[in-house]
Amino acid sequence: MEPLAAAIKGAAEIGFTVLSMSLSLIAVFLPILMMGGIVGRLFREFAITLSVAILVSLVISLTTTPMMCARMLRGHEEERQHNWIYKLSERGFNFVTTHTTNR
């Protein structure tokens, strides 16, 4: 797939999960927002700040992050050769994987 199409498809696949996780986190902070008394007044700003931060994170994870991936990541036809550090570490990882899974 083209990087842009893959990013849009990926955002669509994770959209419901990210939305449900964010809404459940906000639901955790709603009782703190509704608390009364001195403790409620102390934690009200905390609950509002975290709820807004979660909403901003939701918007960024569904819009900005996939589009940044579409711009920064390469397709299969555009892959370049790996450097010597990657090749050395990959050889080491393959060695560890083959020798630990065969036991």
PDB file of N, CA and C in Angstrom:
ATOM      1  N   MET A   1       0.840  -1.194   0.000  1.00  0.00           N
ATOM      2  CA  MET A   1       0.000   0.000   0.000  1.00  0.00           C
ATOM      3  C   MET A   1       0.880   1.249   0.000  1.00  0.00           C
ATOM      4  N   GLU A   2       0.318   2.284  -0.491  1.00  0.00           N
ATOM      5  CA  GLU A   2       0.968   3.586  -0.392  1.00  0.00           C
ATOM      6  C   GLU A   2       0.978   4.016   1.074  1.00  0.00           C
ATOM      7  N   PRO A   3       1.979   4.779   1.492  1.00  0.00           N
ATOM      8  CA  PRO A   3       2.053   5.183   2.897  1.00  0.00           C
ATOM      9  C   PRO A   3       0.832   5.944   3.392  1.00  0.00           C
ATOM     10  N   LEU A   4       0.260   6.824   2.587  1.00  0.00           N
ATOM     11  CA  LEU A   4      -0.913   7.583   3.017  1.00  0.00           C
ATOM     12  C   LEU A   4      -2.121   6.677   3.194  1.00  0.00           C
ATOM     13  N   ALA A   5      -2.336   5.770   2.253  1.00  0.00           N
ATOM     14  CA  ALA A   5      -3.464   4.848   2.361  1.00  0.00           C
ATOM     15  C   ALA A   5      -3.299   3.914   3.557  1.00  0.00           C
ATOM     16  N   ALA A   6      -2.065   3.480   3.805  1.00  0.00           N
ATOM     17  CA  ALA A   6      -1.805   2.608   4.956  1.00  0.00           C
ATOM     18  C   ALA A   6      -2.042   3.353   6.264  1.00  0.00           C
ATOM     19  N   ALA A   7      -1.664   4.626   6.329  1.00  0.00           N
ATOM     20  CA  ALA A   7      -1.877   5.412   7.546  1.00  0.00           C
ATOM     21  C   ALA A   7      -3.358   5.626   7.810  1.00  0.00           C
ATOM     22  N   ILE A   8      -4.124   5.898   6.780  1.00  0.00           N
ATOM     23  CA  ILE A   8      -5.568   6.095   6.952  1.00  0.00           C
ATOM     24  C   ILE A   8      -6.233   4.794   7.366  1.00  0.00           C
ATOM     25  N   LYS A   9      -5.840   3.691   6.753  1.00  0.00           N
ATOM     26  CA  LYS A   9      -6.412   2.396   7.120  1.00  0.00           C
ATOM     27  C   LYS A   9      -6.040   2.027   8.554  1.00  0.00           C
ATOM     28  N   GLY A  10      -4.796   2.277   8.945  1.00  0.00           N
ATOM     29  CA  GLY A  10      -4.366   1.988  10.309  1.00  0.00           C
ATOM     30  C   GLY A  10      -5.106   2.822  11.331  1.00  0.00           C
ATOM     31  N   ALA A  11      -5.316   4.105  11.034  1.00  0.00           N
ATOM     32  CA  ALA A  11      -6.071   4.972  11.946  1.00  0.00           C
ATOM     33  C   ALA A  11      -7.511   4.502  12.067  1.00  0.00           C
ATOM     34  N   ALA A  12      -8.079   4.031  10.972  1.00  0.00           N
ATOM     35  CA  ALA A  12      -9.454   3.532  11.027  1.00  0.00           C
ATOM     36  C   ALA A  12      -9.549   2.242  11.845  1.00  0.00           C
ATOM     37  N   GLU A  13      -8.519   1.406  11.761  1.00  0.00           N
ATOM     38  CA  GLU A  13      -8.547   0.140  12.500  1.00  0.00           C
ATOM     39  C   GLU A  13      -8.412   0.334  14.001  1.00  0.00           C
ATOM     40  N   ILE A  14      -7.643   1.307  14.421  1.00  0.00           N
ATOM     41  CA  ILE A  14      -7.448   1.504  15.857  1.00  0.00           C
ATOM     42  C   ILE A  14      -8.363   2.571  16.435  1.00  0.00           C
ATOM     43  N   GLY A  15      -9.151   3.211  15.603  1.00  0.00           N
ATOM     44  CA  GLY A  15      -9.979   4.328  16.042  1.00  0.00           C
ATOM     45  C   GLY A  15     -10.920   3.984  17.172  1.00  0.00           C
ATOM     46  N   PHE A  16     -11.659   2.884  17.049  1.00  0.00           N
ATOM     47  CA  PHE A  16     -12.622   2.520  18.081  1.00  0.00           C
ATOM     48  C   PHE A  16     -11.928   2.189  19.398  1.00  0.00           C
ATOM     49  N   THR A  17     -10.811   1.492  19.316  1.00  0.00           N
ATOM     50  CA  THR A  17     -10.076   1.114  20.530  1.00  0.00           C
ATOM     51  C   THR A  17      -9.551   2.337  21.258  1.00  0.00           C
ATOM     52  N   VAL A  18      -8.945   3.257  20.531  1.00  0.00           N
ATOM     53  CA  VAL A  18      -8.408   4.469  21.147  1.00  0.00           C
ATOM     54  C   VAL A  18      -9.535   5.315  21.724  1.00  0.00           C
ATOM     55  N   LEU A  19     -10.647   5.406  21.000  1.00  0.00           N
ATOM     56  CA  LEU A  19     -11.797   6.168  21.487  1.00  0.00           C
ATOM     57  C   LEU A  19     -12.361   5.567  22.765  1.00  0.00           C
ATOM     58  N   SER A  20     -12.525   4.260  22.799  1.00  0.00           N
ATOM     59  CA  SER A  20     -13.089   3.623  23.995  1.00  0.00           C
ATOM     60  C   SER A  20     -12.148   3.731  25.191  1.00  0.00           C
ATOM     61  N   MET A  21     -10.849   3.603  24.967  1.00  0.00           N
ATOM     62  CA  MET A  21      -9.892   3.749  26.074  1.00  0.00           C
ATOM     63  C   MET A  21      -9.892   5.174  26.610  1.00  0.00           C
ATOM     64  N   SER A  22      -9.946   6.139  25.722  1.00  0.00           N
ATOM     65  CA  SER A  22      -9.938   7.532  26.156  1.00  0.00           C
ATOM     66  C   SER A  22     -11.209   7.881  26.922  1.00  0.00           C
ATOM     67  N   LEU A  23     -12.346   7.429  26.425  1.00  0.00           N
ATOM     68  CA  LEU A  23     -13.603   7.713  27.121  1.00  0.00           C
ATOM     69  C   LEU A  23     -13.672   7.025  28.475  1.00  0.00           C
ATOM     70  N   SER A  24     -13.120   5.827  28.577  1.00  0.00           N
ATOM     71  CA  SER A  24     -13.125   5.154  29.880  1.00  0.00           C
ATOM     72  C   SER A  24     -12.187   5.859  30.858  1.00  0.00           C
ATOM     73  N   LEU A  25     -11.079   6.393  30.382  1.00  0.00           N
ATOM     74  CA  LEU A  25     -10.197   7.162  31.262  1.00  0.00           C
ATOM     75  C   LEU A  25     -10.871   8.450  31.733  1.00  0.00           C
ATOM     76  N   ILE A  26     -11.579   9.104  30.846  1.00  0.00           N
ATOM     77  CA  ILE A  26     -12.301  10.322  31.235  1.00  0.00           C
ATOM     78  C   ILE A  26     -13.403   9.976  32.229  1.00  0.00           C
ATOM     79  N   ALA A  27     -14.054   8.829  32.031  1.00  0.00           N
ATOM     80  CA  ALA A  27     -15.107   8.409  32.961  1.00  0.00           C
ATOM     81  C   ALA A  27     -14.556   8.159  34.365  1.00  0.00           C
ATOM     82  N   VAL A  28     -13.303   7.800  34.465  1.00  0.00           N
ATOM     83  CA  VAL A  28     -12.683   7.603  35.778  1.00  0.00           C
ATOM     84  C   VAL A  28     -12.540   8.938  36.501  1.00  0.00           C
ATOM     85  N   PHE A  29     -12.276  10.011  35.758  1.00  0.00           N
ATOM     86  CA  PHE A  29     -12.055  11.304  36.386  1.00  0.00           C
ATOM     87  C   PHE A  29     -13.333  12.099  36.604  1.00  0.00           C
ATOM     88  N   LEU A  30     -14.451  11.693  36.043  1.00  0.00           N
ATOM     89  CA  LEU A  30     -15.710  12.402  36.268  1.00  0.00           C
ATOM     90  C   LEU A  30     -16.143  12.412  37.729  1.00  0.00           C
ATOM     91  N   PRO A  31     -16.068  11.303  38.458  1.00  0.00           N
ATOM     92  CA  PRO A  31     -16.440  11.376  39.882  1.00  0.00           C
ATOM     93  C   PRO A  31     -15.557  12.333  40.681  1.00  0.00           C
ATOM     94  N   ILE A  32     -14.291  12.429  40.308  1.00  0.00           N
ATOM     95  CA  ILE A  32     -13.409  13.374  40.992  1.00  0.00           C
ATOM     96  C   ILE A  32     -13.866  14.799  40.712  1.00  0.00           C
ATOM     97  N   LEU A  33     -14.345  15.045  39.498  1.00  0.00           N
ATOM     98  CA  LEU A  33     -14.837  16.366  39.127  1.00  0.00           C
ATOM     99  C   LEU A  33     -16.097  16.725  39.905  1.00  0.00           C
ATOM    100  N   MET A  34     -16.910  15.740  40.243  1.00  0.00           N
ATOM    101  CA  MET A  34     -18.179  15.970  40.936  1.00  0.00           C
ATOM    102  C   MET A  34     -18.058  15.980  42.462  1.00  0.00           C
ATOM    103  N   MET A  35     -16.861  15.723  42.983  1.00  0.00           N
ATOM    104  CA  MET A  35     -16.698  15.678  44.431  1.00  0.00           C
ATOM    105  C   MET A  35     -16.985  17.040  45.050  1.00  0.00           C
ATOM    106  N   GLY A  36     -17.517  17.006  46.250  1.00  0.00           N
ATOM    107  CA  GLY A  36     -17.799  18.241  46.965  1.00  0.00           C
ATOM    108  C   GLY A  36     -16.784  18.475  48.061  1.00  0.00           C
ATOM    109  N   GLY A  37     -16.930  19.576  48.723  1.00  0.00           N
ATOM    110  CA  GLY A  37     -16.077  19.883  49.849  1.00  0.00           C
ATOM    111  C   GLY A  37     -14.720  20.406  49.446  1.00  0.00           C
ATOM    112  N   ILE A  38     -13.838  20.470  50.431  1.00  0.00           N
ATOM    113  CA  ILE A  38     -12.489  21.001  50.211  1.00  0.00           C
ATOM    114  C   ILE A  38     -11.680  20.080  49.302  1.00  0.00           C
ATOM    115  N   VAL A  39     -11.815  18.773  49.512  1.00  0.00           N
ATOM    116  CA  VAL A  39     -11.076  17.815  48.681  1.00  0.00           C
ATOM    117  C   VAL A  39     -11.528  17.921  47.222  1.00  0.00           C
ATOM    118  N   GLY A  40     -12.813  18.072  47.002  1.00  0.00           N
ATOM    119  CA  GLY A  40     -13.340  18.236  45.652  1.00  0.00           C
ATOM    120  C   GLY A  40     -12.799  19.470  44.967  1.00  0.00           C
ATOM    121  N   ARG A  41     -12.701  20.556  45.720  1.00  0.00           N
ATOM    122  CA  ARG A  41     -12.147  21.786  45.149  1.00  0.00           C
ATOM    123  C   ARG A  41     -10.660  21.641  44.841  1.00  0.00           C
ATOM    124  N   LEU A  42      -9.961  20.873  45.662  1.00  0.00           N
ATOM    125  CA  LEU A  42      -8.541  20.664  45.403  1.00  0.00           C
ATOM    126  C   LEU A  42      -8.298  19.836  44.139  1.00  0.00           C
ATOM    127  N   PHE A  43      -9.129  18.825  43.924  1.00  0.00           N
ATOM    128  CA  PHE A  43      -8.920  17.911  42.807  1.00  0.00           C
ATOM    129  C   PHE A  43      -9.687  18.277  41.541  1.00  0.00           C
ATOM    130  N   ARG A  44     -10.516  19.326  41.567  1.00  0.00           N
ATOM    131  CA  ARG A  44     -11.303  19.696  40.395  1.00  0.00           C
ATOM    132  C   ARG A  44     -10.407  20.067  39.218  1.00  0.00           C
ATOM    133  N   GLU A  45      -9.428  20.917  39.446  1.00  0.00           N
ATOM    134  CA  GLU A  45      -8.523  21.322  38.361  1.00  0.00           C
ATOM    135  C   GLU A  45      -7.713  20.134  37.848  1.00  0.00           C
ATOM    136  N   PHE A  46      -7.338  19.247  38.764  1.00  0.00           N
ATOM    137  CA  PHE A  46      -6.617  18.041  38.379  1.00  0.00           C
ATOM    138  C   PHE A  46      -7.451  17.198  37.420  1.00  0.00           C
ATOM    139  N   ALA A  47      -8.723  16.983  37.759  1.00  0.00           N
ATOM    140  CA  ALA A  47      -9.602  16.168  36.914  1.00  0.00           C
ATOM    141  C   ALA A  47      -9.843  16.827  35.562  1.00  0.00           C
ATOM    142  N   ILE A  48     -10.037  18.136  35.565  1.00  0.00           N
ATOM    143  CA  ILE A  48     -10.270  18.843  34.303  1.00  0.00           C
ATOM    144  C   ILE A  48      -9.021  18.789  33.435  1.00  0.00           C
ATOM    145  N   THR A  49      -7.867  19.030  34.017  1.00  0.00           N
ATOM    146  CA  THR A  49      -6.617  19.016  33.257  1.00  0.00           C
ATOM    147  C   THR A  49      -6.355  17.653  32.640  1.00  0.00           C
ATOM    148  N   LEU A  50      -6.535  16.602  33.417  1.00  0.00           N
ATOM    149  CA  LEU A  50      -6.304  15.261  32.869  1.00  0.00           C
ATOM    150  C   LEU A  50      -7.327  14.899  31.805  1.00  0.00           C
ATOM    151  N   SER A  51      -8.578  15.284  31.990  1.00  0.00           N
ATOM    152  CA  SER A  51      -9.601  14.986  30.982  1.00  0.00           C
ATOM    153  C   SER A  51      -9.308  15.699  29.668  1.00  0.00           C
ATOM    154  N   VAL A  52      -8.906  16.963  29.745  1.00  0.00           N
ATOM    155  CA  VAL A  52      -8.570  17.705  28.520  1.00  0.00           C
ATOM    156  C   VAL A  52      -7.322  17.115  27.872  1.00  0.00           C
ATOM    157  N   ALA A  53      -6.339  16.731  28.680  1.00  0.00           N
ATOM    158  CA  ALA A  53      -5.126  16.128  28.123  1.00  0.00           C
ATOM    159  C   ALA A  53      -5.446  14.812  27.414  1.00  0.00           C
ATOM    160  N   ILE A  54      -6.351  14.028  27.966  1.00  0.00           N
ATOM    161  CA  ILE A  54      -6.749  12.772  27.331  1.00  0.00           C
ATOM    162  C   ILE A  54      -7.472  13.046  26.018  1.00  0.00           C
ATOM    163  N   LEU A  55      -8.330  14.057  25.992  1.00  0.00           N
ATOM    164  CA  LEU A  55      -9.031  14.411  24.745  1.00  0.00           C
ATOM    165  C   LEU A  55      -8.054  14.895  23.674  1.00  0.00           C
ATOM    166  N   VAL A  56      -7.084  15.703  24.067  1.00  0.00           N
ATOM    167  CA  VAL A  56      -6.079  16.178  23.108  1.00  0.00           C
ATOM    168  C   VAL A  56      -5.260  14.997  22.582  1.00  0.00           C
ATOM    169  N   SER A  57      -4.913  14.081  23.478  1.00  0.00           N
ATOM    170  CA  SER A  57      -4.173  12.894  23.064  1.00  0.00           C
ATOM    171  C   SER A  57      -4.982  12.043  22.091  1.00  0.00           C
ATOM    172  N   LEU A  58      -6.277  11.945  22.324  1.00  0.00           N
ATOM    173  CA  LEU A  58      -7.161  11.199  21.415  1.00  0.00           C
ATOM    174  C   LEU A  58      -7.147  11.821  20.025  1.00  0.00           C
ATOM    175  N   VAL A  59      -7.294  13.129  19.959  1.00  0.00           N
ATOM    176  CA  VAL A  59      -7.321  13.808  18.660  1.00  0.00           C
ATOM    177  C   VAL A  59      -5.987  13.652  17.942  1.00  0.00           C
ATOM    178  N   ILE A  60      -4.900  13.803  18.659  1.00  0.00           N
ATOM    179  CA  ILE A  60      -3.573  13.688  18.042  1.00  0.00           C
ATOM    180  C   ILE A  60      -3.315  12.266  17.565  1.00  0.00           C
ATOM    181  N   SER A  61      -3.724  11.271  18.371  1.00  0.00           N
ATOM    182  CA  SER A  61      -3.446   9.886  17.975  1.00  0.00           C
ATOM    183  C   SER A  61      -4.285   9.445  16.781  1.00  0.00           C
ATOM    184  N   LEU A  62      -5.407  10.097  16.539  1.00  0.00           N
ATOM    185  CA  LEU A  62      -6.237   9.719  15.388  1.00  0.00           C
ATOM    186  C   LEU A  62      -5.995  10.580  14.158  1.00  0.00           C
ATOM    187  N   THR A  63      -5.306  11.701  14.302  1.00  0.00           N
ATOM    188  CA  THR A  63      -5.104  12.583  13.150  1.00  0.00           C
ATOM    189  C   THR A  63      -3.626  12.816  12.849  1.00  0.00           C
ATOM    190  N   THR A  64      -2.924  13.420  13.765  1.00  0.00           N
ATOM    191  CA  THR A  64      -1.557  13.857  13.495  1.00  0.00           C
ATOM    192  C   THR A  64      -0.579  12.700  13.370  1.00  0.00           C
ATOM    193  N   THR A  65      -0.650  11.748  14.283  1.00  0.00           N
ATOM    194  CA  THR A  65       0.317  10.644  14.270  1.00  0.00           C
ATOM    195  C   THR A  65       0.250   9.810  12.994  1.00  0.00           C
ATOM    196  N   PRO A  66      -0.940   9.385  12.523  1.00  0.00           N
ATOM    197  CA  PRO A  66      -0.956   8.632  11.269  1.00  0.00           C
ATOM    198  C   PRO A  66      -0.445   9.434  10.073  1.00  0.00           C
ATOM    199  N   MET A  67      -0.742  10.729  10.041  1.00  0.00           N
ATOM    200  CA  MET A  67      -0.278  11.529   8.914  1.00  0.00           C
ATOM    201  C   MET A  67       1.230  11.748   8.974  1.00  0.00           C
ATOM    202  N   MET A  68       1.793  11.862  10.182  1.00  0.00           N
ATOM    203  CA  MET A  68       3.247  11.945  10.290  1.00  0.00           C
ATOM    204  C   MET A  68       3.892  10.652   9.832  1.00  0.00           C
ATOM    205  N   CYS A  69       3.283   9.527  10.172  1.00  0.00           N
ATOM    206  CA  CYS A  69       3.811   8.238   9.711  1.00  0.00           C
ATOM    207  C   CYS A  69       3.744   8.134   8.198  1.00  0.00           C
ATOM    208  N   ALA A  70       2.670   8.640   7.612  1.00  0.00           N
ATOM    209  CA  ALA A  70       2.542   8.593   6.155  1.00  0.00           C
ATOM    210  C   ALA A  70       3.623   9.414   5.478  1.00  0.00           C
ATOM    211  N   ARG A  71       4.048  10.499   6.118  1.00  0.00           N
ATOM    212  CA  ARG A  71       5.074  11.346   5.521  1.00  0.00           C
ATOM    213  C   ARG A  71       6.482  10.840   5.789  1.00  0.00           C
ATOM    214  N   MET A  72       6.705  10.255   6.972  1.00  0.00           N
ATOM    215  CA  MET A  72       8.066   9.904   7.371  1.00  0.00           C
ATOM    216  C   MET A  72       8.469   8.484   6.987  1.00  0.00           C
ATOM    217  N   LEU A  73       7.539   7.545   7.025  1.00  0.00           N
ATOM    218  CA  LEU A  73       7.879   6.158   6.728  1.00  0.00           C
ATOM    219  C   LEU A  73       7.902   5.933   5.224  1.00  0.00           C
ATOM    220  N   ARG A  74       8.698   4.983   4.812  1.00  0.00           N
ATOM    221  CA  ARG A  74       8.822   4.674   3.389  1.00  0.00           C
ATOM    222  C   ARG A  74       8.023   3.423   3.057  1.00  0.00           C
ATOM    223  N   GLY A  75       7.622   3.324   1.807  1.00  0.00           N
ATOM    224  CA  GLY A  75       6.985   2.113   1.327  1.00  0.00           C
ATOM    225  C   GLY A  75       8.019   1.037   1.077  1.00  0.00           C
ATOM    226  N   HIS A  76       7.571  -0.153   0.716  1.00  0.00           N
ATOM    227  CA  HIS A  76       8.505  -1.257   0.483  1.00  0.00           C
ATOM    228  C   HIS A  76       9.445  -0.979  -0.683  1.00  0.00           C
ATOM    229  N   GLU A  77       8.956  -0.310  -1.700  1.00  0.00           N
ATOM    230  CA  GLU A  77       9.811  -0.051  -2.850  1.00  0.00           C
ATOM    231  C   GLU A  77      10.841   1.029  -2.570  1.00  0.00           C
ATOM    232  N   GLU A  78      10.649   1.793  -1.501  1.00  0.00           N
ATOM    233  CA  GLU A  78      11.573   2.873  -1.184  1.00  0.00           C
ATOM    234  C   GLU A  78      12.544   2.513  -0.062  1.00  0.00           C
ATOM    235  N   GLU A  79      12.553   1.257   0.372  1.00  0.00           N
ATOM    236  CA  GLU A  79      13.428   0.877   1.478  1.00  0.00           C
ATOM    237  C   GLU A  79      14.890   0.996   1.053  1.00  0.00           C
ATOM    238  N   ARG A  80      15.703   1.387   2.004  1.00  0.00           N
ATOM    239  CA  ARG A  80      17.124   1.522   1.724  1.00  0.00           C
ATOM    240  C   ARG A  80      17.883   0.417   2.428  1.00  0.00           C
ATOM    241  N   GLN A  81      19.151   0.329   2.112  1.00  0.00           N
ATOM    242  CA  GLN A  81      19.995  -0.676   2.739  1.00  0.00           C
ATOM    243  C   GLN A  81      20.265  -0.287   4.183  1.00  0.00           C
ATOM    244  N   HIS A  82      20.351  -1.283   5.053  1.00  0.00           N
ATOM    245  CA  HIS A  82      20.629  -1.026   6.462  1.00  0.00           C
ATOM    246  C   HIS A  82      22.126  -0.836   6.681  1.00  0.00           C
ATOM    247  N   ASN A  83      22.446  -0.084   7.737  1.00  0.00           N
ATOM    248  CA  ASN A  83      23.856   0.156   8.033  1.00  0.00           C
ATOM    249  C   ASN A  83      24.435  -1.015   8.824  1.00  0.00           C
ATOM    250  N   TRP A  84      25.715  -0.922   9.135  1.00  0.00           N
ATOM    251  CA  TRP A  84      26.418  -2.054   9.760  1.00  0.00           C
ATOM    252  C   TRP A  84      25.950  -2.296  11.191  1.00  0.00           C
ATOM    253  N   ILE A  85      25.514  -1.256  11.899  1.00  0.00           N
ATOM    254  CA  ILE A  85      25.028  -1.437  13.269  1.00  0.00           C
ATOM    255  C   ILE A  85      23.754  -2.278  13.261  1.00  0.00           C
ATOM    256  N   TYR A  86      22.851  -1.961  12.328  1.00  0.00           N
ATOM    257  CA  TYR A  86      21.614  -2.723  12.219  1.00  0.00           C
ATOM    258  C   TYR A  86      21.911  -4.182  11.871  1.00  0.00           C
ATOM    259  N   LYS A  87      22.797  -4.391  10.909  1.00  0.00           N
ATOM    260  CA  LYS A  87      23.109  -5.756  10.490  1.00  0.00           C
ATOM    261  C   LYS A  87      23.741  -6.561  11.622  1.00  0.00           C
ATOM    262  N   LEU A  88      24.640  -5.938  12.389  1.00  0.00           N
ATOM    263  CA  LEU A  88      25.287  -6.622  13.503  1.00  0.00           C
ATOM    264  C   LEU A  88      24.279  -6.953  14.608  1.00  0.00           C
ATOM    265  N   SER A  89      23.450  -5.998  14.961  1.00  0.00           N
ATOM    266  CA  SER A  89      22.468  -6.262  16.018  1.00  0.00           C
ATOM    267  C   SER A  89      21.419  -7.269  15.562  1.00  0.00           C
ATOM    268  N   GLU A  90      21.035  -7.233  14.311  1.00  0.00           N
ATOM    269  CA  GLU A  90      20.056  -8.200  13.797  1.00  0.00           C
ATOM    270  C   GLU A  90      20.627  -9.617  13.822  1.00  0.00           C
ATOM    271  N   ARG A  91      21.898  -9.750  13.485  1.00  0.00           N
ATOM    272  CA  ARG A  91      22.554 -11.051  13.563  1.00  0.00           C
ATOM    273  C   ARG A  91      22.571 -11.561  15.004  1.00  0.00           C
ATOM    274  N   GLY A  92      22.848 -10.663  15.959  1.00  0.00           N
ATOM    275  CA  GLY A  92      22.844 -11.039  17.368  1.00  0.00           C
ATOM    276  C   GLY A  92      21.457 -11.438  17.851  1.00  0.00           C
ATOM    277  N   PHE A  93      20.433 -10.697  17.461  1.00  0.00           N
ATOM    278  CA  PHE A  93      19.061 -11.029  17.850  1.00  0.00           C
ATOM    279  C   PHE A  93      18.628 -12.369  17.258  1.00  0.00           C
ATOM    280  N   ASN A  94      18.977 -12.603  16.011  1.00  0.00           N
ATOM    281  CA  ASN A  94      18.640 -13.882  15.392  1.00  0.00           C
ATOM    282  C   ASN A  94      19.335 -15.037  16.084  1.00  0.00           C
ATOM    283  N   PHE A  95      20.590 -14.840  16.496  1.00  0.00           N
ATOM    284  CA  PHE A  95      21.323 -15.878  17.215  1.00  0.00           C
ATOM    285  C   PHE A  95      20.634 -16.200  18.539  1.00  0.00           C
ATOM    286  N   VAL A  96      20.288 -15.169  19.293  1.00  0.00           N
ATOM    287  CA  VAL A  96      19.630 -15.369  20.584  1.00  0.00           C
ATOM    288  C   VAL A  96      18.262 -16.038  20.375  1.00  0.00           C
ATOM    289  N   THR A  97      17.530 -15.616  19.378  1.00  0.00           N
ATOM    290  CA  THR A  97      16.198 -16.181  19.129  1.00  0.00           C
ATOM    291  C   THR A  97      16.278 -17.650  18.758  1.00  0.00           C
ATOM    292  N   THR A  98      17.195 -17.992  17.887  1.00  0.00           N
ATOM    293  CA  THR A  98      17.281 -19.401  17.460  1.00  0.00           C
ATOM    294  C   THR A  98      17.797 -20.302  18.558  1.00  0.00           C
ATOM    295  N   HIS A  99      18.653 -19.794  19.418  1.00  0.00           N
ATOM    296  CA  HIS A  99      19.224 -20.650  20.474  1.00  0.00           C
ATOM    297  C   HIS A  99      18.351 -20.720  21.721  1.00  0.00           C
ATOM    298  N   THR A 100      17.429 -19.806  21.896  1.00  0.00           N
ATOM    299  CA  THR A 100      16.557 -19.870  23.073  1.00  0.00           C
ATOM    300  C   THR A 100      15.228 -20.531  22.776  1.00  0.00           C
ATOM    301  N   THR A 101      14.773 -20.514  21.537  1.00  0.00           N
ATOM    302  CA  THR A 101      13.485 -21.138  21.221  1.00  0.00           C
ATOM    303  C   THR A 101      13.607 -22.618  20.935  1.00  0.00           C
ATOM    304  N   ASN A 102      14.794 -23.119  20.660  1.00  0.00           N
ATOM    305  CA  ASN A 102      14.971 -24.540  20.358  1.00  0.00           C
ATOM    306  C   ASN A 102      15.065 -25.409  21.597  1.00  0.00           C
ATOM    307  N   ARG A 103      15.110 -24.829  22.754  1.00  0.00           N
ATOM    308  CA  ARG A 103      15.263 -25.615  23.983  1.00  0.00           C
ATOM    309  C   ARG A 103      13.964 -26.126  24.485  1.00  0.00           C
TER     310      ARG A 103
END
